Protein backbone atom coordinates (compact mmCIF):
# COMPACT_ATOMS: atom_id res chain seq x y z
CA MET A 1 -0.02 0.02 0.03
CA GLY A 2 2.85 2.44 0.76
CA ASP A 3 4.40 1.71 -2.63
CA ASN A 4 1.14 2.44 -4.37
CA LEU A 5 0.86 5.72 -2.56
CA MET A 6 4.45 6.56 -3.43
CA ASP A 7 3.74 5.78 -7.11
CA LYS A 8 0.71 8.05 -7.07
CA VAL A 9 2.70 10.85 -5.42
CA SER A 10 5.54 10.34 -8.01
CA ALA A 11 3.03 10.37 -10.88
CA LEU A 12 1.42 13.52 -9.50
CA GLY A 13 4.91 15.08 -9.16
CA GLU A 14 5.66 14.30 -12.78
CA LYS A 15 2.37 15.86 -13.87
CA LEU A 16 3.08 19.00 -11.92
CA LYS A 17 6.62 19.24 -13.43
CA ILE A 18 5.19 18.87 -16.94
CA SER A 19 2.34 21.31 -16.19
CA GLY A 20 4.77 23.79 -14.55
CA ALA A 21 7.06 23.59 -17.61
CA GLU A 22 4.11 24.05 -19.94
CA VAL A 23 2.89 27.06 -17.92
CA GLY A 24 6.38 28.50 -17.91
CA ARG A 25 6.62 28.08 -21.69
CA LYS A 26 3.26 29.74 -22.32
CA VAL A 27 4.14 32.65 -20.05
CA THR A 28 7.47 33.05 -21.90
CA GLU A 29 5.59 33.00 -25.23
CA GLY A 30 3.14 35.52 -24.00
CA MET A 31 5.86 37.83 -22.72
CA SER A 32 7.71 37.46 -26.02
CA SER A 33 4.60 38.43 -27.99
CA MET A 34 3.87 41.28 -25.65
CA SER A 35 7.47 42.56 -25.81
CA PHE A 36 7.32 42.36 -29.61
CA LYS A 37 4.21 44.59 -29.61
CA VAL A 38 5.76 47.05 -27.18
CA LYS A 39 8.91 47.15 -29.27
CA GLU A 40 6.85 47.71 -32.40
CA LEU A 41 4.99 50.61 -30.74
CA LEU A 42 8.21 52.21 -29.47
CA GLN A 43 10.11 51.78 -32.73
CA GLY A 44 7.47 53.45 -34.89
CA GLN A 45 7.62 52.98 -38.61
CA ASN A 46 10.22 50.86 -40.35
CA GLU A 47 11.27 50.91 -43.95
CA VAL A 48 8.54 48.42 -45.02
CA ASP A 49 5.83 50.42 -43.23
CA LYS A 50 6.93 53.48 -45.17
CA ILE A 51 6.90 51.66 -48.52
CA VAL A 52 3.47 50.24 -47.88
CA GLU A 53 2.17 53.60 -46.75
CA GLU A 54 3.44 55.24 -49.91
CA ALA A 55 1.60 52.63 -51.95
CA THR A 56 -1.62 53.13 -50.00
CA MET A 57 -1.72 56.89 -49.42
CA GLU A 58 -5.16 58.36 -48.97
CA THR A 59 -4.39 61.06 -51.50
CA MET A 60 -4.13 58.53 -54.36
CA ASP A 61 -6.98 58.31 -56.86
CA GLY A 62 -6.50 54.60 -57.34
CA PRO A 63 -3.95 51.78 -56.94
CA ASP A 64 -0.40 52.52 -57.89
CA TRP A 65 0.26 49.28 -59.80
CA ALA A 66 3.90 50.11 -60.38
CA SER A 67 4.48 50.46 -56.61
CA ASN A 68 2.42 47.39 -55.79
CA LEU A 69 4.40 45.29 -58.22
CA GLU A 70 7.69 46.82 -57.06
CA ILE A 71 6.78 45.65 -53.54
CA CYS A 72 6.16 42.19 -54.92
CA ASP A 73 9.51 42.19 -56.64
CA MET A 74 11.21 43.27 -53.50
CA VAL A 75 9.56 40.44 -51.55
CA ASN A 76 10.33 37.87 -54.24
CA ASN A 77 13.96 39.02 -54.41
CA GLU A 78 14.16 38.99 -50.62
CA LYS A 79 15.01 42.75 -50.36
CA ILE A 80 12.19 43.06 -47.88
CA ASN A 81 10.55 40.55 -45.56
CA SER A 82 7.12 39.24 -46.66
CA GLN A 83 6.04 39.03 -43.02
CA GLU A 84 6.77 42.71 -42.56
CA VAL A 85 4.86 43.64 -45.73
CA ILE A 86 1.76 41.75 -44.66
CA ARG A 87 2.07 43.27 -41.14
CA ALA A 88 2.26 46.70 -42.70
CA ILE A 89 -0.72 46.05 -44.99
CA LYS A 90 -2.65 44.83 -41.94
CA LYS A 91 -1.93 48.10 -40.15
CA ARG A 92 -3.34 49.99 -43.16
CA ILE A 93 -6.48 47.84 -43.28
CA MET A 94 -7.01 48.58 -39.60
CA LEU A 95 -7.25 52.32 -40.26
CA LYS A 96 -10.73 53.69 -40.62
CA ASN A 97 -9.91 55.69 -43.77
CA PRO A 98 -11.93 54.04 -46.64
CA ARG A 99 -9.46 54.98 -49.32
CA VAL A 100 -6.49 53.59 -47.40
CA GLN A 101 -8.43 50.40 -46.61
CA TYR A 102 -9.24 49.81 -50.24
CA LEU A 103 -5.73 50.50 -51.45
CA ALA A 104 -4.38 48.15 -48.76
CA LEU A 105 -6.78 45.42 -49.87
CA VAL A 106 -5.62 45.84 -53.46
CA LEU A 107 -2.06 45.70 -52.36
CA LEU A 108 -2.83 42.57 -50.35
CA GLU A 109 -4.45 40.97 -53.31
CA THR A 110 -1.44 41.91 -55.50
CA CYS A 111 0.96 40.40 -53.03
CA VAL A 112 -0.97 37.21 -52.59
CA LYS A 113 -1.21 36.75 -56.32
CA ASN A 114 2.45 37.60 -57.10
CA CYS A 115 4.48 36.60 -54.03
CA GLU A 116 4.74 33.00 -53.06
CA LYS A 117 5.75 33.82 -49.47
CA ALA A 118 2.72 36.05 -48.90
CA PHE A 119 0.26 33.11 -48.72
CA SER A 120 1.32 31.80 -45.40
CA GLU A 121 2.06 35.28 -44.00
CA VAL A 122 -1.62 36.21 -44.49
CA ALA A 123 -2.52 33.54 -42.00
CA SER A 124 0.28 34.00 -39.61
CA GLU A 125 -0.23 37.69 -39.30
CA ARG A 126 -3.96 37.18 -38.68
CA ILE A 127 -4.86 39.65 -41.43
CA LEU A 128 -8.00 37.60 -42.12
CA ASP A 129 -9.20 38.51 -38.60
CA GLU A 130 -8.84 42.17 -39.45
CA MET A 131 -10.61 41.66 -42.75
CA VAL A 132 -13.56 40.02 -40.93
CA LYS A 133 -13.61 42.88 -38.36
CA MET A 134 -13.66 45.33 -41.29
CA ILE A 135 -16.51 43.41 -42.99
CA ASP A 136 -18.51 43.31 -39.70
CA ASP A 137 -17.94 46.99 -38.96
CA PRO A 138 -21.08 48.94 -39.98
CA GLN A 139 -18.89 52.01 -40.61
CA THR A 140 -17.01 50.19 -43.45
CA ILE A 141 -18.09 51.40 -46.90
CA VAL A 142 -19.78 48.85 -49.15
CA ASN A 143 -16.99 48.75 -51.75
CA ASN A 144 -14.36 47.84 -49.08
CA ARG A 145 -16.65 45.26 -47.53
CA ASN A 146 -17.26 43.71 -50.95
CA LYS A 147 -13.51 43.78 -51.81
CA ALA A 148 -12.66 41.92 -48.63
CA LEU A 149 -15.47 39.40 -49.10
CA THR A 150 -14.42 38.84 -52.72
CA LEU A 151 -10.82 38.23 -51.69
CA ILE A 152 -11.77 35.72 -49.00
CA GLU A 153 -14.18 34.04 -51.40
CA GLN A 154 -11.51 33.82 -54.17
CA TRP A 155 -9.03 32.36 -51.73
CA GLY A 156 -11.62 29.87 -50.50
CA GLU A 157 -12.39 28.71 -54.02
CA SER A 158 -8.70 28.44 -54.89
CA THR A 159 -7.13 25.02 -54.44
CA GLU A 160 -3.61 26.40 -54.58
CA GLN A 161 -3.62 29.41 -52.35
CA LEU A 162 -4.74 29.90 -48.76
CA ARG A 163 -7.37 27.23 -48.56
CA TYR A 164 -5.11 24.69 -46.82
CA LEU A 165 -4.41 26.96 -43.84
CA PRO A 166 -6.49 26.21 -40.71
CA VAL A 167 -6.98 29.96 -39.98
CA PHE A 168 -8.35 30.45 -43.47
CA GLU A 169 -10.69 27.52 -43.21
CA GLU A 170 -12.15 29.01 -39.98
CA THR A 171 -12.64 32.39 -41.63
CA TYR A 172 -14.03 31.07 -44.94
CA LYS A 173 -16.78 28.95 -43.11
């Protein structure tokens, strides 16, 4: 009976060690994520933010295809990081300016169609979440809502693009 109790205590101890390690890992991940966001706030704009901002300025009449394709070339030639581009586009989509949102959606579409690395970044940067928030926001103009819905629908019907990603599957449902 004493051995059985010791086995149970040992098993519980092992569970606690594992749980403790898991909790520690999750806390570390959370702190890392939080420190990244604080760092991002303190640093302000980086080069990629500026490039994306220039391609999506509210003073533009329409998409600047030359700039959009130049951004794609820079991503494809690894002159700029695709993750940073998608993150910068996400920031522009989050703005409440209808012109900027539209131009950011067009740039996003251009990147997804022309940059191989942009596919997975769309999911990892949770840009789909922002698109859904924009669609659900009653303040969003109809053209932008339709553009976001069209992109999500196109990606959902595509067999080659974002459809395989779990985040996308959740959004597309």
